[in-house]
């Protein structure tokens, strides 16, 4: 069980290192920069919506 958790931790760490290596050696085009910015903005919107909705759901479930 612990070994599988270690493997699951290595997957994103390896992806981050590979992405950093690519970013150091290449310059992204304007379309890629735009896509990354839109993806990040969507994540911020999703986090804000979750922060507003989830507390209400937690309290409504306790009252039922």
PDB file of N, CA and C in Angstrom:
ATOM      1  N   UNK A   1       0.819  -1.191   0.000  1.00  0.00           N
ATOM      2  CA  UNK A   1       0.000   0.000   0.000  1.00  0.00           C
ATOM      3  C   UNK A   1       0.863   1.255   0.000  1.00  0.00           C
ATOM      4  N   UNK A   2       1.891   1.279   0.813  1.00  0.00           N
ATOM      5  CA  UNK A   2       2.764   2.441   0.864  1.00  0.00           C
ATOM      6  C   UNK A   2       3.531   2.595  -0.445  1.00  0.00           C
ATOM      7  N   UNK A   3       3.916   1.491  -1.053  1.00  0.00           N
ATOM      8  CA  UNK A   3       4.659   1.561  -2.316  1.00  0.00           C
ATOM      9  C   UNK A   3       3.804   2.180  -3.407  1.00  0.00           C
ATOM     10  N   UNK A   4       2.522   1.890  -3.453  1.00  0.00           N
ATOM     11  CA  UNK A   4       1.671   2.475  -4.486  1.00  0.00           C
ATOM     12  C   UNK A   4       1.499   3.982  -4.260  1.00  0.00           C
ATOM     13  N   UNK A   5       1.455   4.412  -3.005  1.00  0.00           N
ATOM     14  CA  UNK A   5       1.371   5.844  -2.728  1.00  0.00           C
ATOM     15  C   UNK A   5       2.643   6.543  -3.205  1.00  0.00           C
ATOM     16  N   UNK A   6       3.775   5.913  -3.021  1.00  0.00           N
ATOM     17  CA  UNK A   6       5.046   6.464  -3.482  1.00  0.00           C
ATOM     18  C   UNK A   6       5.047   6.623  -5.007  1.00  0.00           C
ATOM     19  N   UNK A   7       4.532   5.629  -5.702  1.00  0.00           N
ATOM     20  CA  UNK A   7       4.473   5.689  -7.166  1.00  0.00           C
ATOM     21  C   UNK A   7       3.540   6.810  -7.606  1.00  0.00           C
ATOM     22  N   UNK A   8       2.389   6.938  -6.937  1.00  0.00           N
ATOM     23  CA  UNK A   8       1.446   8.003  -7.293  1.00  0.00           C
ATOM     24  C   UNK A   8       2.020   9.385  -6.994  1.00  0.00           C
ATOM     25  N   UNK A   9       2.921   9.488  -6.053  1.00  0.00           N
ATOM     26  CA  UNK A   9       3.582  10.756  -5.770  1.00  0.00           C
ATOM     27  C   UNK A   9       4.638  11.065  -6.821  1.00  0.00           C
ATOM     28  N   UNK A  10       5.291  10.047  -7.331  1.00  0.00           N
ATOM     29  CA  UNK A  10       6.325  10.264  -8.343  1.00  0.00           C
ATOM     30  C   UNK A  10       5.766  10.722  -9.688  1.00  0.00           C
ATOM     31  N   UNK A  11       4.558  10.340 -10.007  1.00  0.00           N
ATOM     32  CA  UNK A  11       3.982  10.686 -11.310  1.00  0.00           C
ATOM     33  C   UNK A  11       3.882  12.203 -11.486  1.00  0.00           C
ATOM     34  N   UNK A  12       3.223  12.956 -10.585  1.00  0.00           N
ATOM     35  CA  UNK A  12       3.175  14.411 -10.789  1.00  0.00           C
ATOM     36  C   UNK A  12       4.532  15.095 -10.603  1.00  0.00           C
ATOM     37  N   UNK A  13       5.373  14.537  -9.738  1.00  0.00           N
ATOM     38  CA  UNK A  13       6.696  15.123  -9.552  1.00  0.00           C
ATOM     39  C   UNK A  13       7.514  14.997 -10.834  1.00  0.00           C
ATOM     40  N   UNK A  14       7.453  13.858 -11.468  1.00  0.00           N
ATOM     41  CA  UNK A  14       8.160  13.650 -12.735  1.00  0.00           C
ATOM     42  C   UNK A  14       7.602  14.560 -13.821  1.00  0.00           C
ATOM     43  N   UNK A  15       6.289  14.702 -13.865  1.00  0.00           N
ATOM     44  CA  UNK A  15       5.675  15.586 -14.861  1.00  0.00           C
ATOM     45  C   UNK A  15       6.095  17.036 -14.632  1.00  0.00           C
ATOM     46  N   UNK A  16       6.183  17.458 -13.378  1.00  0.00           N
ATOM     47  CA  UNK A  16       6.605  18.831 -13.084  1.00  0.00           C
ATOM     48  C   UNK A  16       8.052  19.063 -13.490  1.00  0.00           C
ATOM     49  N   UNK A  17       8.913  18.112 -13.229  1.00  0.00           N
ATOM     50  CA  UNK A  17      10.321  18.244 -13.610  1.00  0.00           C
ATOM     51  C   UNK A  17      10.470  18.246 -15.126  1.00  0.00           C
ATOM     52  N   UNK A  18       9.739  17.374 -15.801  1.00  0.00           N
ATOM     53  CA  UNK A  18       9.802  17.343 -17.266  1.00  0.00           C
ATOM     54  C   UNK A  18       9.264  18.642 -17.852  1.00  0.00           C
ATOM     55  N   UNK A  19       8.178  19.151 -17.310  1.00  0.00           N
ATOM     56  CA  UNK A  19       7.626  20.420 -17.781  1.00  0.00           C
ATOM     57  C   UNK A  19       8.571  21.579 -17.552  1.00  0.00           C
ATOM     58  N   UNK A  20       9.253  21.576 -16.418  1.00  0.00           N
ATOM     59  CA  UNK A  20      10.226  22.631 -16.134  1.00  0.00           C
ATOM     60  C   UNK A  20      11.390  22.560 -17.112  1.00  0.00           C
ATOM     61  N   UNK A  21      11.845  21.354 -17.427  1.00  0.00           N
ATOM     62  CA  UNK A  21      12.946  21.199 -18.375  1.00  0.00           C
ATOM     63  C   UNK A  21      12.547  21.690 -19.766  1.00  0.00           C
ATOM     64  N   UNK A  22      11.337  21.403 -20.174  1.00  0.00           N
ATOM     65  CA  UNK A  22      10.866  21.882 -21.478  1.00  0.00           C
ATOM     66  C   UNK A  22      10.741  23.403 -21.468  1.00  0.00           C
ATOM     67  N   UNK A  23      10.209  23.951 -20.368  1.00  0.00           N
ATOM     68  CA  UNK A  23      10.014  25.402 -20.291  1.00  0.00           C
ATOM     69  C   UNK A  23      11.335  26.161 -20.296  1.00  0.00           C
ATOM     70  N   UNK A  24      12.368  25.568 -19.720  1.00  0.00           N
ATOM     71  CA  UNK A  24      13.674  26.234 -19.702  1.00  0.00           C
ATOM     72  C   UNK A  24      14.281  26.273 -21.100  1.00  0.00           C
ATOM     73  N   UNK A  25      14.041  25.247 -21.890  1.00  0.00           N
ATOM     74  CA  UNK A  25      14.702  25.121 -23.185  1.00  0.00           C
ATOM     75  C   UNK A  25      13.901  25.656 -24.367  1.00  0.00           C
ATOM     76  N   UNK A  26      12.630  25.915 -24.222  1.00  0.00           N
ATOM     77  CA  UNK A  26      11.818  26.401 -25.340  1.00  0.00           C
ATOM     78  C   UNK A  26      10.986  27.596 -24.902  1.00  0.00           C
ATOM     79  N   UNK A  27      10.648  28.424 -25.846  1.00  0.00           N
ATOM     80  CA  UNK A  27       9.788  29.584 -25.573  1.00  0.00           C
ATOM     81  C   UNK A  27       8.397  29.260 -26.121  1.00  0.00           C
ATOM     82  N   UNK A  28       7.361  29.329 -25.266  1.00  0.00           N
ATOM     83  CA  UNK A  28       6.012  28.999 -25.748  1.00  0.00           C
ATOM     84  C   UNK A  28       5.471  30.093 -26.663  1.00  0.00           C
ATOM     85  N   UNK A  29       4.676  29.663 -27.619  1.00  0.00           N
ATOM     86  CA  UNK A  29       4.049  30.604 -28.533  1.00  0.00           C
ATOM     87  C   UNK A  29       2.871  31.313 -27.874  1.00  0.00           C
ATOM     88  N   UNK A  30       2.330  32.310 -28.539  1.00  0.00           N
ATOM     89  CA  UNK A  30       1.225  33.070 -27.952  1.00  0.00           C
ATOM     90  C   UNK A  30      -0.033  32.225 -27.730  1.00  0.00           C
ATOM     91  N   UNK A  31      -0.285  31.259 -28.590  1.00  0.00           N
ATOM     92  CA  UNK A  31      -1.461  30.409 -28.406  1.00  0.00           C
ATOM     93  C   UNK A  31      -1.333  29.535 -27.165  1.00  0.00           C
ATOM     94  N   UNK A  32      -0.152  29.007 -26.924  1.00  0.00           N
ATOM     95  CA  UNK A  32       0.064  28.180 -25.742  1.00  0.00           C
ATOM     96  C   UNK A  32      -0.022  29.020 -24.469  1.00  0.00           C
ATOM     97  N   UNK A  33       0.547  30.208 -24.495  1.00  0.00           N
ATOM     98  CA  UNK A  33       0.472  31.100 -23.339  1.00  0.00           C
ATOM     99  C   UNK A  33      -0.983  31.434 -23.036  1.00  0.00           C
ATOM    100  N   UNK A  34      -1.757  31.722 -24.066  1.00  0.00           N
ATOM    101  CA  UNK A  34      -3.174  32.021 -23.895  1.00  0.00           C
ATOM    102  C   UNK A  34      -3.928  30.837 -23.308  1.00  0.00           C
ATOM    103  N   UNK A  35      -3.639  29.642 -23.801  1.00  0.00           N
ATOM    104  CA  UNK A  35      -4.316  28.446 -23.289  1.00  0.00           C
ATOM    105  C   UNK A  35      -3.985  28.215 -21.820  1.00  0.00           C
ATOM    106  N   UNK A  36      -2.737  28.401 -21.448  1.00  0.00           N
ATOM    107  CA  UNK A  36      -2.330  28.213 -20.054  1.00  0.00           C
ATOM    108  C   UNK A  36      -3.013  29.244 -19.161  1.00  0.00           C
ATOM    109  N   UNK A  37      -3.081  30.488 -19.612  1.00  0.00           N
ATOM    110  CA  UNK A  37      -3.728  31.533 -18.822  1.00  0.00           C
ATOM    111  C   UNK A  37      -5.222  31.263 -18.658  1.00  0.00           C
ATOM    112  N   UNK A  38      -5.876  30.773 -19.702  1.00  0.00           N
ATOM    113  CA  UNK A  38      -7.296  30.442 -19.600  1.00  0.00           C
ATOM    114  C   UNK A  38      -7.519  29.262 -18.655  1.00  0.00           C
ATOM    115  N   UNK A  39      -6.643  28.296 -18.707  1.00  0.00           N
ATOM    116  CA  UNK A  39      -6.750  27.142 -17.817  1.00  0.00           C
ATOM    117  C   UNK A  39      -6.594  27.572 -16.365  1.00  0.00           C
ATOM    118  N   UNK A  40      -5.633  28.447 -16.098  1.00  0.00           N
ATOM    119  CA  UNK A  40      -5.416  28.932 -14.730  1.00  0.00           C
ATOM    120  C   UNK A  40      -6.606  29.768 -14.265  1.00  0.00           C
ATOM    121  N   UNK A  41      -7.148  30.606 -15.137  1.00  0.00           N
ATOM    122  CA  UNK A  41      -8.298  31.426 -14.766  1.00  0.00           C
ATOM    123  C   UNK A  41      -9.512  30.553 -14.477  1.00  0.00           C
ATOM    124  N   UNK A  42      -9.687  29.502 -15.241  1.00  0.00           N
ATOM    125  CA  UNK A  42     -10.805  28.590 -14.987  1.00  0.00           C
ATOM    126  C   UNK A  42     -10.637  27.904 -13.639  1.00  0.00           C
ATOM    127  N   UNK A  43      -9.423  27.577 -13.273  1.00  0.00           N
ATOM    128  CA  UNK A  43      -9.170  26.971 -11.968  1.00  0.00           C
ATOM    129  C   UNK A  43      -9.486  27.924 -10.831  1.00  0.00           C
ATOM    130  N   UNK A  44      -9.164  29.206 -11.016  1.00  0.00           N
ATOM    131  CA  UNK A  44      -9.472  30.209  -9.990  1.00  0.00           C
ATOM    132  C   UNK A  44     -10.983  30.360  -9.847  1.00  0.00           C
ATOM    133  N   UNK A  45     -11.698  30.407 -10.952  1.00  0.00           N
ATOM    134  CA  UNK A  45     -13.160  30.524 -10.912  1.00  0.00           C
ATOM    135  C   UNK A  45     -13.771  29.298 -10.243  1.00  0.00           C
ATOM    136  N   UNK A  46     -13.283  28.126 -10.579  1.00  0.00           N
ATOM    137  CA  UNK A  46     -13.798  26.895  -9.975  1.00  0.00           C
ATOM    138  C   UNK A  46     -13.549  26.880  -8.470  1.00  0.00           C
ATOM    139  N   UNK A  47     -12.364  27.310  -8.043  1.00  0.00           N
ATOM    140  CA  UNK A  47     -12.044  27.350  -6.618  1.00  0.00           C
ATOM    141  C   UNK A  47     -12.921  28.360  -5.888  1.00  0.00           C
ATOM    142  N   UNK A  48     -13.175  29.504  -6.498  1.00  0.00           N
ATOM    143  CA  UNK A  48     -14.036  30.504  -5.868  1.00  0.00           C
ATOM    144  C   UNK A  48     -15.466  29.985  -5.748  1.00  0.00           C
ATOM    145  N   UNK A  49     -15.959  29.338  -6.789  1.00  0.00           N
ATOM    146  CA  UNK A  49     -17.312  28.787  -6.736  1.00  0.00           C
ATOM    147  C   UNK A  49     -17.403  27.688  -5.684  1.00  0.00           C
ATOM    148  N   UNK A  50     -16.403  26.842  -5.610  1.00  0.00           N
ATOM    149  CA  UNK A  50     -16.407  25.773  -4.610  1.00  0.00           C
ATOM    150  C   UNK A  50     -16.346  26.358  -3.203  1.00  0.00           C
ATOM    151  N   UNK A  51     -15.594  27.420  -3.029  1.00  0.00           N
ATOM    152  CA  UNK A  51     -15.497  28.057  -1.724  1.00  0.00           C
ATOM    153  C   UNK A  51     -16.803  28.681  -1.280  1.00  0.00           C
ATOM    154  N   UNK A  52     -17.635  29.084  -2.231  1.00  0.00           N
ATOM    155  CA  UNK A  52     -18.938  29.654  -1.899  1.00  0.00           C
ATOM    156  C   UNK A  52     -20.001  28.582  -1.694  1.00  0.00           C
ATOM    157  N   UNK A  53     -19.942  27.506  -2.454  1.00  0.00           N
ATOM    158  CA  UNK A  53     -21.009  26.501  -2.438  1.00  0.00           C
ATOM    159  C   UNK A  53     -20.792  25.436  -1.382  1.00  0.00           C
ATOM    160  N   UNK A  54     -19.587  24.959  -1.223  1.00  0.00           N
ATOM    161  CA  UNK A  54     -19.346  23.824  -0.328  1.00  0.00           C
ATOM    162  C   UNK A  54     -19.696  24.095   1.135  1.00  0.00           C
ATOM    163  N   UNK A  55     -19.388  25.261   1.701  1.00  0.00           N
ATOM    164  CA  UNK A  55     -19.803  25.477   3.098  1.00  0.00           C
ATOM    165  C   UNK A  55     -21.319  25.413   3.273  1.00  0.00           C
ATOM    166  N   UNK A  56     -22.067  25.942   2.309  1.00  0.00           N
ATOM    167  CA  UNK A  56     -23.531  25.872   2.383  1.00  0.00           C
ATOM    168  C   UNK A  56     -24.016  24.439   2.323  1.00  0.00           C
ATOM    169  N   UNK A  57     -23.392  23.635   1.499  1.00  0.00           N
ATOM    170  CA  UNK A  57     -23.796  22.229   1.398  1.00  0.00           C
ATOM    171  C   UNK A  57     -23.488  21.481   2.688  1.00  0.00           C
ATOM    172  N   UNK A  58     -22.380  21.797   3.326  1.00  0.00           N
ATOM    173  CA  UNK A  58     -22.021  21.123   4.565  1.00  0.00           C
ATOM    174  C   UNK A  58     -23.050  21.386   5.649  1.00  0.00           C
ATOM    175  N   UNK A  59     -23.482  22.624   5.772  1.00  0.00           N
ATOM    176  CA  UNK A  59     -24.456  22.949   6.801  1.00  0.00           C
ATOM    177  C   UNK A  59     -25.845  22.439   6.467  1.00  0.00           C
ATOM    178  N   UNK A  60     -26.194  22.382   5.187  1.00  0.00           N
ATOM    179  CA  UNK A  60     -27.516  21.876   4.840  1.00  0.00           C
ATOM    180  C   UNK A  60     -27.609  20.372   5.035  1.00  0.00           C
ATOM    181  N   UNK A  61     -26.508  19.640   4.898  1.00  0.00           N
ATOM    182  CA  UNK A  61     -26.524  18.207   5.109  1.00  0.00           C
ATOM    183  C   UNK A  61     -26.674  17.893   6.588  1.00  0.00           C
ATOM    184  N   UNK A  62     -26.058  18.682   7.462  1.00  0.00           N
ATOM    185  CA  UNK A  62     -26.169  18.451   8.912  1.00  0.00           C
ATOM    186  C   UNK A  62     -27.584  18.701   9.413  1.00  0.00           C
ATOM    187  N   UNK A  63     -28.299  19.619   8.801  1.00  0.00           N
ATOM    188  CA  UNK A  63     -29.633  19.972   9.274  1.00  0.00           C
ATOM    189  C   UNK A  63     -30.700  18.996   8.810  1.00  0.00           C
ATOM    190  N   UNK A  64     -30.401  18.138   7.871  1.00  0.00           N
ATOM    191  CA  UNK A  64     -31.393  17.203   7.351  1.00  0.00           C
ATOM    192  C   UNK A  64     -31.651  16.049   8.294  1.00  0.00           C
TER     193      UNK A  64
END
